[in-house]
Amino acid sequence: MRTVVFGTVAYALAFFGASLALAGLGIYQHAAGGANRLDNFFMAAYFVFLAGTAGTAGFLLVTAASPAWRRQQIVPAMVIGAAASVVAMLLYVTGVASLPLVLLLPSSTLRAWPRISAAAFFATPGVLTGFVAIGVARLRAGRNAARRP
């Protein structure tokens, strides 16, 4: 269970760190100056918090249910979780995160339940990268089992 906790914490910290660094860089480059930059950064931090919390919850739900992920050692799980979070952040930034929802759910569903749709949009990259992390964990377990005599 420690693997799940530490992997998820590494996911959250890397996601928040990378997202806030990207937001800060963008605000620094485009804001007029003064308090405007600070206000813009706090607004960006609020949106990063919303997106990161839902994505982290999606990652946690997927990885906690996987026996292959729970059998990982802590340090590799943290590295995989941190790398998965950077990929998730890039999915948010590019807009690819919304493709599974748009393709799988009818537009009437997305319009009928906007809060659920928004939560699903923010959780989707965490879920997708969670499945990728489980795949990497299985590959590592298979490689380690093949090395043992």
C-alpha atoms as a PDB file:
ATOM      1  CA  MET A   1       0.000   0.000   0.000  1.00  0.00           C
ATOM      2  CA  ARG A   2       2.964   2.315   0.549  1.00  0.00           C
ATOM      3  CA  THR A   3       3.760   2.008  -3.143  1.00  0.00           C
ATOM      4  CA  VAL A   4       0.316   3.333  -4.054  1.00  0.00           C
ATOM      5  CA  VAL A   5       0.626   6.264  -1.651  1.00  0.00           C
ATOM      6  CA  PHE A   6       4.166   7.263  -2.633  1.00  0.00           C
ATOM      7  CA  GLY A   7       3.498   6.801  -6.353  1.00  0.00           C
ATOM      8  CA  THR A   8       0.395   8.990  -6.120  1.00  0.00           C
ATOM      9  CA  VAL A   9       2.190  11.663  -4.084  1.00  0.00           C
ATOM     10  CA  ALA A  10       4.994  11.741  -6.675  1.00  0.00           C
ATOM     11  CA  TYR A  11       2.349  12.025  -9.405  1.00  0.00           C
ATOM     12  CA  ALA A  12       0.654  14.958  -7.663  1.00  0.00           C
ATOM     13  CA  LEU A  13       3.861  16.829  -6.835  1.00  0.00           C
ATOM     14  CA  ALA A  14       5.277  16.481 -10.335  1.00  0.00           C
ATOM     15  CA  PHE A  15       1.953  17.503 -11.897  1.00  0.00           C
ATOM     16  CA  PHE A  16       1.561  20.570  -9.710  1.00  0.00           C
ATOM     17  CA  GLY A  17       5.211  21.542 -10.067  1.00  0.00           C
ATOM     18  CA  ALA A  18       5.318  21.225 -13.857  1.00  0.00           C
ATOM     19  CA  SER A  19       1.948  22.919 -14.331  1.00  0.00           C
ATOM     20  CA  LEU A  20       2.727  25.829 -12.035  1.00  0.00           C
ATOM     21  CA  ALA A  21       6.128  26.313 -13.649  1.00  0.00           C
ATOM     22  CA  LEU A  22       4.539  26.380 -17.093  1.00  0.00           C
ATOM     23  CA  ALA A  23       1.780  28.754 -15.920  1.00  0.00           C
ATOM     24  CA  GLY A  24       4.283  31.025 -14.180  1.00  0.00           C
ATOM     25  CA  LEU A  25       6.483  31.173 -17.249  1.00  0.00           C
ATOM     26  CA  GLY A  26       3.524  32.031 -19.458  1.00  0.00           C
ATOM     27  CA  ILE A  27       2.221  34.685 -17.093  1.00  0.00           C
ATOM     28  CA  TYR A  28       5.661  36.222 -16.708  1.00  0.00           C
ATOM     29  CA  GLN A  29       6.020  36.495 -20.472  1.00  0.00           C
ATOM     30  CA  HIS A  30       2.561  37.938 -21.195  1.00  0.00           C
ATOM     31  CA  ALA A  31       1.360  39.908 -18.172  1.00  0.00           C
ATOM     32  CA  ALA A  32       1.673  43.675 -18.102  1.00  0.00           C
ATOM     33  CA  GLY A  33       3.331  43.634 -14.687  1.00  0.00           C
ATOM     34  CA  GLY A  34       2.847  44.304 -10.997  1.00  0.00           C
ATOM     35  CA  ALA A  35      -0.094  42.866  -9.113  1.00  0.00           C
ATOM     36  CA  ASN A  36      -1.645  41.748 -12.376  1.00  0.00           C
ATOM     37  CA  ARG A  37       0.955  38.991 -12.691  1.00  0.00           C
ATOM     38  CA  LEU A  38       0.371  37.799  -9.155  1.00  0.00           C
ATOM     39  CA  ASP A  39      -3.404  37.768  -9.612  1.00  0.00           C
ATOM     40  CA  ASN A  40      -3.043  35.840 -12.840  1.00  0.00           C
ATOM     41  CA  PHE A  41      -0.700  33.347 -11.213  1.00  0.00           C
ATOM     42  CA  PHE A  42      -3.131  32.722  -8.343  1.00  0.00           C
ATOM     43  CA  MET A  43      -5.960  32.163 -10.814  1.00  0.00           C
ATOM     44  CA  ALA A  44      -3.785  29.747 -12.790  1.00  0.00           C
ATOM     45  CA  ALA A  45      -2.815  27.987  -9.546  1.00  0.00           C
ATOM     46  CA  TYR A  46      -6.511  27.549  -8.725  1.00  0.00           C
ATOM     47  CA  PHE A  47      -7.167  25.887 -12.097  1.00  0.00           C
ATOM     48  CA  VAL A  48      -4.041  23.748 -11.747  1.00  0.00           C
ATOM     49  CA  PHE A  49      -5.296  22.646  -8.328  1.00  0.00           C
ATOM     50  CA  LEU A  50      -8.690  21.645  -9.758  1.00  0.00           C
ATOM     51  CA  ALA A  51      -7.217  19.776 -12.706  1.00  0.00           C
ATOM     52  CA  GLY A  52      -4.441  18.188 -10.662  1.00  0.00           C
ATOM     53  CA  THR A  53      -6.729  16.966  -7.911  1.00  0.00           C
ATOM     54  CA  ALA A  54      -9.108  15.248 -10.329  1.00  0.00           C
ATOM     55  CA  GLY A  55      -6.234  13.785 -12.356  1.00  0.00           C
ATOM     56  CA  THR A  56      -4.510  12.529  -9.227  1.00  0.00           C
ATOM     57  CA  ALA A  57      -7.751  10.922  -8.063  1.00  0.00           C
ATOM     58  CA  GLY A  58      -8.099   9.178 -11.434  1.00  0.00           C
ATOM     59  CA  PHE A  59      -4.498   7.950 -11.262  1.00  0.00           C
ATOM     60  CA  LEU A  60      -5.020   6.751  -7.686  1.00  0.00           C
ATOM     61  CA  LEU A  61      -8.202   4.834  -8.510  1.00  0.00           C
ATOM     62  CA  VAL A  62      -6.605   2.995 -11.407  1.00  0.00           C
ATOM     63  CA  THR A  63      -3.270   2.179  -9.781  1.00  0.00           C
ATOM     64  CA  ALA A  64      -4.699   1.207  -6.383  1.00  0.00           C
ATOM     65  CA  ALA A  65      -6.780  -1.492  -8.057  1.00  0.00           C
ATOM     66  CA  SER A  66      -3.773  -3.075  -9.788  1.00  0.00           C
ATOM     67  CA  PRO A  67      -1.820  -5.862  -8.076  1.00  0.00           C
ATOM     68  CA  ALA A  68       1.079  -5.277 -10.495  1.00  0.00           C
ATOM     69  CA  TRP A  69       1.350  -1.659  -9.327  1.00  0.00           C
ATOM     70  CA  ARG A  70       1.144  -2.568  -5.653  1.00  0.00           C
ATOM     71  CA  ARG A  71       3.993  -5.100  -6.045  1.00  0.00           C
ATOM     72  CA  GLN A  72       6.346  -2.391  -7.375  1.00  0.00           C
ATOM     73  CA  GLN A  73       9.159  -1.089  -5.255  1.00  0.00           C
ATOM     74  CA  ILE A  74       8.630   2.430  -3.949  1.00  0.00           C
ATOM     75  CA  VAL A  75      11.325   4.345  -5.868  1.00  0.00           C
ATOM     76  CA  PRO A  76      10.433   2.954  -9.329  1.00  0.00           C
ATOM     77  CA  ALA A  77       6.760   3.612  -8.598  1.00  0.00           C
ATOM     78  CA  MET A  78       7.566   7.215  -7.728  1.00  0.00           C
ATOM     79  CA  VAL A  79       9.591   7.688 -10.911  1.00  0.00           C
ATOM     80  CA  ILE A  80       6.849   6.139 -13.047  1.00  0.00           C
ATOM     81  CA  GLY A  81       4.199   8.237 -11.279  1.00  0.00           C
ATOM     82  CA  ALA A  82       6.149  11.461 -11.790  1.00  0.00           C
ATOM     83  CA  ALA A  83       6.733  10.706 -15.481  1.00  0.00           C
ATOM     84  CA  ALA A  84       3.052   9.832 -15.921  1.00  0.00           C
ATOM     85  CA  SER A  85       2.034  13.153 -14.388  1.00  0.00           C
ATOM     86  CA  VAL A  86       4.140  15.128 -16.838  1.00  0.00           C
ATOM     87  CA  VAL A  87       2.483  13.218 -19.680  1.00  0.00           C
ATOM     88  CA  ALA A  88      -0.926  13.958 -18.125  1.00  0.00           C
ATOM     89  CA  MET A  89      -0.097  17.652 -17.940  1.00  0.00           C
ATOM     90  CA  LEU A  90       0.830  17.611 -21.627  1.00  0.00           C
ATOM     91  CA  LEU A  91      -2.480  15.867 -22.379  1.00  0.00           C
ATOM     92  CA  TYR A  92      -4.286  18.735 -20.658  1.00  0.00           C
ATOM     93  CA  VAL A  93      -2.295  21.425 -22.431  1.00  0.00           C
ATOM     94  CA  THR A  94      -2.720  19.931 -25.910  1.00  0.00           C
ATOM     95  CA  GLY A  95      -6.410  19.121 -25.446  1.00  0.00           C
ATOM     96  CA  VAL A  96      -5.932  15.433 -26.176  1.00  0.00           C
ATOM     97  CA  ALA A  97      -7.432  14.711 -22.746  1.00  0.00           C
ATOM     98  CA  SER A  98     -10.936  15.388 -24.008  1.00  0.00           C
ATOM     99  CA  LEU A  99     -10.788  13.050 -27.015  1.00  0.00           C
ATOM    100  CA  PRO A 100     -11.860   9.842 -25.199  1.00  0.00           C
ATOM    101  CA  LEU A 101     -14.867  11.612 -23.693  1.00  0.00           C
ATOM    102  CA  VAL A 102     -15.924  13.211 -26.951  1.00  0.00           C
ATOM    103  CA  LEU A 103     -15.536   9.962 -28.862  1.00  0.00           C
ATOM    104  CA  LEU A 104     -17.190   7.670 -26.304  1.00  0.00           C
ATOM    105  CA  LEU A 105     -19.976   9.810 -24.872  1.00  0.00           C
ATOM    106  CA  PRO A 106     -22.773  11.386 -26.880  1.00  0.00           C
ATOM    107  CA  SER A 107     -22.859  15.180 -26.829  1.00  0.00           C
ATOM    108  CA  SER A 108     -26.285  15.145 -25.166  1.00  0.00           C
ATOM    109  CA  THR A 109     -24.738  13.431 -22.147  1.00  0.00           C
ATOM    110  CA  LEU A 110     -21.976  16.001 -21.943  1.00  0.00           C
ATOM    111  CA  ARG A 111     -24.508  18.836 -22.091  1.00  0.00           C
ATOM    112  CA  ALA A 112     -26.995  17.251 -19.684  1.00  0.00           C
ATOM    113  CA  TRP A 113     -24.508  16.808 -16.836  1.00  0.00           C
ATOM    114  CA  PRO A 114     -21.922  19.576 -17.114  1.00  0.00           C
ATOM    115  CA  ARG A 115     -20.386  19.102 -13.665  1.00  0.00           C
ATOM    116  CA  ILE A 116     -19.925  15.383 -14.162  1.00  0.00           C
ATOM    117  CA  SER A 117     -18.554  16.050 -17.634  1.00  0.00           C
ATOM    118  CA  ALA A 118     -16.040  18.562 -16.265  1.00  0.00           C
ATOM    119  CA  ALA A 119     -14.917  16.160 -13.539  1.00  0.00           C
ATOM    120  CA  ALA A 120     -14.559  13.380 -16.102  1.00  0.00           C
ATOM    121  CA  PHE A 121     -12.577  15.693 -18.384  1.00  0.00           C
ATOM    122  CA  PHE A 122     -10.130  16.531 -15.610  1.00  0.00           C
ATOM    123  CA  ALA A 123      -9.851  12.905 -14.398  1.00  0.00           C
ATOM    124  CA  THR A 124      -9.350  11.344 -17.847  1.00  0.00           C
ATOM    125  CA  PRO A 125      -5.588  12.040 -18.189  1.00  0.00           C
ATOM    126  CA  GLY A 126      -4.990  10.599 -14.725  1.00  0.00           C
ATOM    127  CA  VAL A 127      -6.907   7.466 -15.631  1.00  0.00           C
ATOM    128  CA  LEU A 128      -5.142   7.104 -18.995  1.00  0.00           C
ATOM    129  CA  THR A 129      -1.683   7.620 -17.531  1.00  0.00           C
ATOM    130  CA  GLY A 130      -2.605   5.276 -14.678  1.00  0.00           C
ATOM    131  CA  PHE A 131      -3.203   2.505 -17.198  1.00  0.00           C
ATOM    132  CA  VAL A 132       0.115   3.328 -18.869  1.00  0.00           C
ATOM    133  CA  ALA A 133       1.849   3.201 -15.468  1.00  0.00           C
ATOM    134  CA  ILE A 134       0.333  -0.223 -14.803  1.00  0.00           C
ATOM    135  CA  GLY A 135       1.594  -1.394 -18.202  1.00  0.00           C
ATOM    136  CA  VAL A 136       5.097  -0.166 -17.370  1.00  0.00           C
ATOM    137  CA  ALA A 137       4.903  -1.915 -13.987  1.00  0.00           C
ATOM    138  CA  ARG A 138       3.928  -5.172 -15.690  1.00  0.00           C
ATOM    139  CA  LEU A 139       6.758  -4.838 -18.200  1.00  0.00           C
ATOM    140  CA  ARG A 140       9.235  -4.231 -15.384  1.00  0.00           C
ATOM    141  CA  ALA A 141       7.908  -7.244 -13.458  1.00  0.00           C
ATOM    142  CA  GLY A 142       8.203  -9.454 -16.550  1.00  0.00           C
ATOM    143  CA  ARG A 143      11.744  -8.250 -17.227  1.00  0.00           C
ATOM    144  CA  ASN A 144      12.786  -8.795 -13.620  1.00  0.00           C
ATOM    145  CA  ALA A 145      11.261 -12.277 -13.606  1.00  0.00           C
ATOM    146  CA  ALA A 146      13.146 -13.182 -16.804  1.00  0.00           C
ATOM    147  CA  ARG A 147      16.465 -12.107 -15.238  1.00  0.00           C
ATOM    148  CA  ARG A 148      16.096 -14.378 -12.237  1.00  0.00           C
ATOM    149  CA  PRO A 149      17.509 -17.883 -12.724  1.00  0.00           C
END
